[in-house]
């Protein structure tokens, strides 16, 4: 009986704590959260059947940039979809209002771009948008890595640059590989870092030390690891948090020597 009362008391305290958290969660600063804004949805701006794989960042001037796959004929992924574009919307007021949908990557039918990810270089004032590219008409199942950049906070973008040779290996050509979606980082010392996955040869970090002029691969594969995100910790160490298949767990990889070695 006493044990049962203790269990009931514990459950009551947990519920009380969660209720308090929920009430606090309604507020951001001094403003009451008022709802959600749908940025991308079939039928809003185009005939696209599906929008998937969102990414968002804060540009150097404070604007928000949201990017996503515009999957025109279906929700199928890159290797099965002949028409995927990358579109963005921008907000100058922390999400209160947004620009119309803008297409920033659009290839002819049969060529697709997918899985946008963003890195903000605050030192140089550049926003990088990475994506995975495939020509399904001529090289189906061959993945390429490309990037565009903006020097005016997302208002306009450069022509695509193919960086596959810089951050991949020739023997990987026919491997299932992709730059992970979402966002990379800039470290305290100005280095740009991001992650890519090769399902045969492991998760890798890649980066740039010259504000995106050149990119390189860190040849220290992390396993297990699939879609991942990288962060710099307060002590300067790098942390990669990784999704894994079939384990029921996520894996965290830590490097204290700038990617030369990892503890998982």
Protein backbone atom coordinates (compact mmCIF):
# COMPACT_ATOMS: atom_id res chain seq x y z
CA UNK A 1 0.00 0.00 0.00
CA UNK A 2 2.78 2.41 0.94
CA UNK A 3 4.66 1.51 -2.23
CA UNK A 4 1.49 2.15 -4.28
CA UNK A 5 1.03 5.57 -2.68
CA UNK A 6 4.64 6.43 -3.46
CA UNK A 7 4.13 5.47 -7.11
CA UNK A 8 0.99 7.61 -7.34
CA UNK A 9 2.81 10.55 -5.75
CA UNK A 10 5.68 10.18 -8.22
CA UNK A 11 3.27 10.12 -11.19
CA UNK A 12 1.46 13.20 -9.86
CA UNK A 13 4.73 15.13 -9.51
CA UNK A 14 5.80 14.18 -13.03
CA UNK A 15 2.45 15.34 -14.45
CA UNK A 16 2.69 18.57 -12.48
CA UNK A 17 6.19 19.20 -13.87
CA UNK A 18 5.11 18.48 -17.45
CA UNK A 19 2.09 20.78 -17.10
CA UNK A 20 4.36 23.57 -15.91
CA UNK A 21 6.73 22.99 -18.82
CA UNK A 22 3.84 23.07 -21.29
CA UNK A 23 2.61 26.38 -19.88
CA UNK A 24 6.09 27.88 -20.07
CA UNK A 25 6.52 26.53 -23.60
CA UNK A 26 3.73 28.81 -24.83
CA UNK A 27 5.98 31.81 -24.37
CA UNK A 28 9.04 32.98 -26.27
CA UNK A 29 10.58 35.94 -24.52
CA UNK A 30 7.67 38.12 -23.45
CA UNK A 31 5.39 37.20 -26.36
CA UNK A 32 2.75 34.47 -26.41
CA UNK A 33 3.25 31.95 -29.21
CA UNK A 34 0.30 32.37 -31.57
CA UNK A 35 0.57 29.50 -34.05
CA UNK A 36 2.36 28.15 -37.08
CA UNK A 37 2.98 29.49 -40.57
CA UNK A 38 2.89 27.03 -43.46
CA UNK A 39 5.78 27.92 -45.75
CA UNK A 40 5.62 25.13 -48.32
CA UNK A 41 2.60 23.09 -49.32
CA UNK A 42 1.33 21.52 -52.56
CA UNK A 43 -0.98 23.90 -54.38
CA UNK A 44 0.42 27.07 -52.82
CA UNK A 45 2.82 28.30 -55.49
CA UNK A 46 3.23 25.57 -58.09
CA UNK A 47 1.95 22.24 -59.37
CA UNK A 48 4.46 20.31 -57.28
CA UNK A 49 3.02 17.21 -55.68
CA UNK A 50 5.30 17.25 -52.66
CA UNK A 51 7.68 19.34 -50.52
CA UNK A 52 10.26 17.54 -48.39
CA UNK A 53 13.59 17.94 -46.58
CA UNK A 54 13.49 21.47 -45.10
CA UNK A 55 16.50 23.49 -44.01
CA UNK A 56 16.66 26.89 -42.32
CA UNK A 57 19.35 29.35 -41.29
CA UNK A 58 19.82 32.92 -40.11
CA UNK A 59 21.66 34.99 -42.71
CA UNK A 60 24.44 37.41 -41.70
CA UNK A 61 21.97 40.33 -41.64
CA UNK A 62 19.47 38.44 -39.46
CA UNK A 63 17.06 37.39 -42.21
CA UNK A 64 15.73 33.83 -42.09
CA UNK A 65 16.23 31.63 -45.15
CA UNK A 66 14.17 28.45 -45.45
CA UNK A 67 14.96 25.97 -48.25
CA UNK A 68 13.26 22.75 -49.31
CA UNK A 69 12.92 20.14 -52.06
CA UNK A 70 10.14 20.97 -54.52
CA UNK A 71 9.31 17.47 -55.77
CA UNK A 72 7.21 18.07 -58.84
CA UNK A 73 5.80 14.73 -60.09
CA UNK A 74 5.83 12.79 -56.80
CA UNK A 75 7.38 12.48 -53.34
CA UNK A 76 9.97 10.00 -54.61
CA UNK A 77 13.61 10.55 -53.63
CA UNK A 78 16.44 11.74 -55.86
CA UNK A 79 17.33 8.44 -57.52
CA UNK A 80 13.70 7.89 -58.61
CA UNK A 81 12.47 11.41 -59.30
CA UNK A 82 13.29 13.22 -62.59
CA UNK A 83 12.14 16.66 -61.46
CA UNK A 84 13.18 17.99 -58.06
CA UNK A 85 13.99 21.68 -57.62
CA UNK A 86 15.30 23.63 -54.63
CA UNK A 87 13.11 26.54 -53.54
CA UNK A 88 13.45 29.08 -50.73
CA UNK A 89 11.47 31.67 -48.81
CA UNK A 90 13.00 34.54 -46.83
CA UNK A 91 11.84 36.45 -43.77
CA UNK A 92 13.22 39.88 -42.76
CA UNK A 93 11.31 40.02 -39.47
CA UNK A 94 12.08 36.79 -37.62
CA UNK A 95 9.28 34.84 -39.26
CA UNK A 96 6.43 37.34 -39.00
CA UNK A 97 6.26 37.62 -42.80
CA UNK A 98 7.84 35.72 -45.67
CA UNK A 99 8.76 36.33 -49.30
CA UNK A 100 7.08 34.46 -52.10
CA UNK A 101 8.54 31.09 -53.03
CA UNK A 102 11.73 31.50 -55.10
CA UNK A 103 13.32 28.76 -57.19
CA UNK A 104 17.10 28.78 -56.75
CA UNK A 105 18.01 25.42 -58.35
CA UNK A 106 16.09 24.09 -61.36
CA UNK A 107 17.53 21.69 -63.95
CA UNK A 108 15.93 20.37 -67.17
CA UNK A 109 13.59 17.41 -66.81
CA UNK A 110 15.60 14.29 -66.04
CA UNK A 111 18.08 16.10 -63.79
CA UNK A 112 17.24 16.65 -60.13
CA UNK A 113 18.60 18.43 -57.05
CA UNK A 114 17.73 17.33 -53.53
CA UNK A 115 18.44 17.55 -49.79
CA UNK A 116 19.29 21.25 -49.32
CA UNK A 117 21.60 22.21 -46.48
CA UNK A 118 22.93 25.59 -45.43
CA UNK A 119 26.15 26.96 -43.95
CA UNK A 120 26.46 30.59 -42.90
CA UNK A 121 29.92 32.17 -43.02
CA UNK A 122 29.46 35.15 -40.71
CA UNK A 123 33.03 36.33 -41.19
CA UNK A 124 32.76 36.59 -44.98
CA UNK A 125 29.04 37.35 -45.15
CA UNK A 126 28.26 34.32 -47.33
CA UNK A 127 25.42 31.80 -47.21
CA UNK A 128 26.20 28.43 -48.83
CA UNK A 129 23.44 26.11 -50.04
CA UNK A 130 24.57 22.53 -50.72
CA UNK A 131 22.54 19.88 -52.51
CA UNK A 132 22.87 16.44 -54.07
CA UNK A 133 22.55 16.25 -57.86
CA UNK A 134 21.74 13.40 -60.23
CA UNK A 135 21.23 13.16 -63.99
CA UNK A 136 18.73 10.31 -64.21
CA UNK A 137 18.81 10.27 -68.01
CA UNK A 138 22.56 9.71 -68.39
CA UNK A 139 24.03 8.63 -65.02
CA UNK A 140 21.26 7.21 -62.91
CA UNK A 141 22.36 6.30 -59.37
CA UNK A 142 25.52 8.45 -59.63
CA UNK A 143 25.45 11.18 -56.98
CA UNK A 144 27.20 14.53 -57.36
CA UNK A 145 27.70 17.25 -54.74
CA UNK A 146 27.01 20.85 -55.69
CA UNK A 147 26.83 24.21 -53.94
CA UNK A 148 25.53 27.69 -54.66
CA UNK A 149 26.27 30.77 -52.58
CA UNK A 150 24.76 34.14 -51.78
CA UNK A 151 26.62 37.28 -50.72
CA UNK A 152 23.46 39.33 -50.18
CA UNK A 153 21.60 37.27 -47.57
CA UNK A 154 19.74 35.05 -50.01
CA UNK A 155 18.41 37.70 -52.39
CA UNK A 156 20.42 36.23 -55.29
CA UNK A 157 22.58 33.16 -55.79
CA UNK A 158 25.65 32.13 -57.77
CA UNK A 159 25.76 29.51 -60.49
CA UNK A 160 26.22 25.95 -59.16
CA UNK A 161 29.71 24.71 -58.38
CA UNK A 162 30.42 20.98 -58.43
CA UNK A 163 32.59 19.99 -55.44
CA UNK A 164 32.32 16.20 -55.83
CA UNK A 165 36.01 15.77 -56.65
CA UNK A 166 37.02 17.84 -53.61
CA UNK A 167 34.95 16.05 -50.96
CA UNK A 168 34.60 12.56 -52.41
CA UNK A 169 36.88 9.86 -53.84
CA UNK A 170 37.01 8.46 -57.40
CA UNK A 171 36.35 4.94 -56.14
CA UNK A 172 33.13 6.19 -54.53
CA UNK A 173 31.53 7.10 -57.88
CA UNK A 174 28.84 4.43 -57.83
CA UNK A 175 28.34 4.37 -54.05
CA UNK A 176 25.11 5.51 -52.43
CA UNK A 177 26.33 8.77 -50.92
CA UNK A 178 24.86 12.15 -50.04
CA UNK A 179 25.52 15.41 -48.21
CA UNK A 180 23.24 15.39 -45.19
CA UNK A 181 20.34 17.82 -45.21
CA UNK A 182 19.79 20.64 -42.73
CA UNK A 183 22.76 22.74 -41.78
CA UNK A 184 26.53 22.81 -41.35
CA UNK A 185 28.47 25.14 -39.05
CA UNK A 186 31.21 27.73 -38.81
CA UNK A 187 33.59 27.13 -35.90
CA UNK A 188 35.00 29.78 -33.60
CA UNK A 189 38.17 29.96 -35.70
CA UNK A 190 36.21 30.45 -38.94
CA UNK A 191 36.36 26.93 -40.37
CA UNK A 192 33.28 25.70 -42.24
CA UNK A 193 32.19 22.12 -41.46
CA UNK A 194 29.49 19.77 -42.72
CA UNK A 195 28.81 16.03 -43.00
CA UNK A 196 28.27 13.55 -45.81
CA UNK A 197 27.32 9.90 -45.74
CA UNK A 198 28.60 7.01 -47.83
CA UNK A 199 26.54 3.97 -46.88
CA UNK A 200 29.43 1.69 -47.86
CA UNK A 201 32.39 3.69 -46.54
CA UNK A 202 30.99 5.55 -43.55
CA UNK A 203 30.04 9.01 -42.37
CA UNK A 204 32.60 11.75 -43.07
CA UNK A 205 33.14 15.39 -42.16
CA UNK A 206 34.15 17.85 -44.87
CA UNK A 207 35.12 21.48 -44.60
CA UNK A 208 36.72 24.65 -45.89
CA UNK A 209 39.42 26.87 -44.39
CA UNK A 210 39.16 29.66 -46.98
CA UNK A 211 35.50 30.72 -46.81
CA UNK A 212 34.34 28.22 -49.39
CA UNK A 213 37.04 28.81 -51.98
CA UNK A 214 38.10 25.18 -51.65
CA UNK A 215 36.61 22.20 -49.84
CA UNK A 216 38.26 19.06 -48.47
CA UNK A 217 37.30 15.68 -47.01
CA UNK A 218 38.49 14.53 -43.59
CA UNK A 219 39.43 10.92 -44.23
CA UNK A 220 38.45 9.61 -40.80
CA UNK A 221 35.17 7.71 -41.31
CA UNK A 222 32.69 7.51 -38.45
CA UNK A 223 30.66 4.36 -37.89
CA UNK A 224 27.89 3.75 -37.31
CA UNK A 225 26.33 6.82 -38.83
CA UNK A 226 23.75 7.87 -41.37
CA UNK A 227 22.10 11.30 -41.55
CA UNK A 228 24.02 13.43 -39.06
CA UNK A 229 24.58 16.92 -37.71
CA UNK A 230 27.83 18.49 -36.52
CA UNK A 231 28.27 21.03 -33.72
CA UNK A 232 31.18 22.72 -31.98
CA UNK A 233 31.14 22.38 -28.20
CA UNK A 234 32.06 25.12 -25.75
CA UNK A 235 35.52 23.62 -25.27
CA UNK A 236 36.19 23.62 -29.01
CA UNK A 237 35.62 19.89 -29.51
CA UNK A 238 33.51 18.72 -32.45
CA UNK A 239 30.40 16.61 -31.90
CA UNK A 240 28.59 14.64 -34.60
CA UNK A 241 25.14 13.32 -33.68
CA UNK A 242 24.13 10.49 -36.00
CA UNK A 243 21.02 8.64 -36.95
CA UNK A 244 21.58 4.89 -37.37
CA UNK A 245 19.45 2.17 -38.95
CA UNK A 246 18.19 -0.86 -37.08
CA UNK A 247 19.86 -0.16 -33.72
CA UNK A 248 17.16 1.79 -31.90
CA UNK A 249 19.82 4.31 -30.86
CA UNK A 250 21.52 7.47 -32.06
CA UNK A 251 25.31 7.66 -31.90
CA UNK A 252 27.37 10.62 -30.73
CA UNK A 253 30.93 11.01 -32.00
CA UNK A 254 33.37 13.44 -30.33
CA UNK A 255 36.70 14.73 -31.66
CA UNK A 256 39.10 16.84 -29.60
CA UNK A 257 41.75 17.10 -32.34
CA UNK A 258 39.81 18.67 -35.22
CA UNK A 259 38.65 15.41 -36.74
CA UNK A 260 41.91 13.47 -36.68
CA UNK A 261 40.40 10.92 -34.28
CA UNK A 262 36.97 10.27 -32.78
CA UNK A 263 35.46 8.73 -29.66
CA UNK A 264 31.99 7.24 -30.26
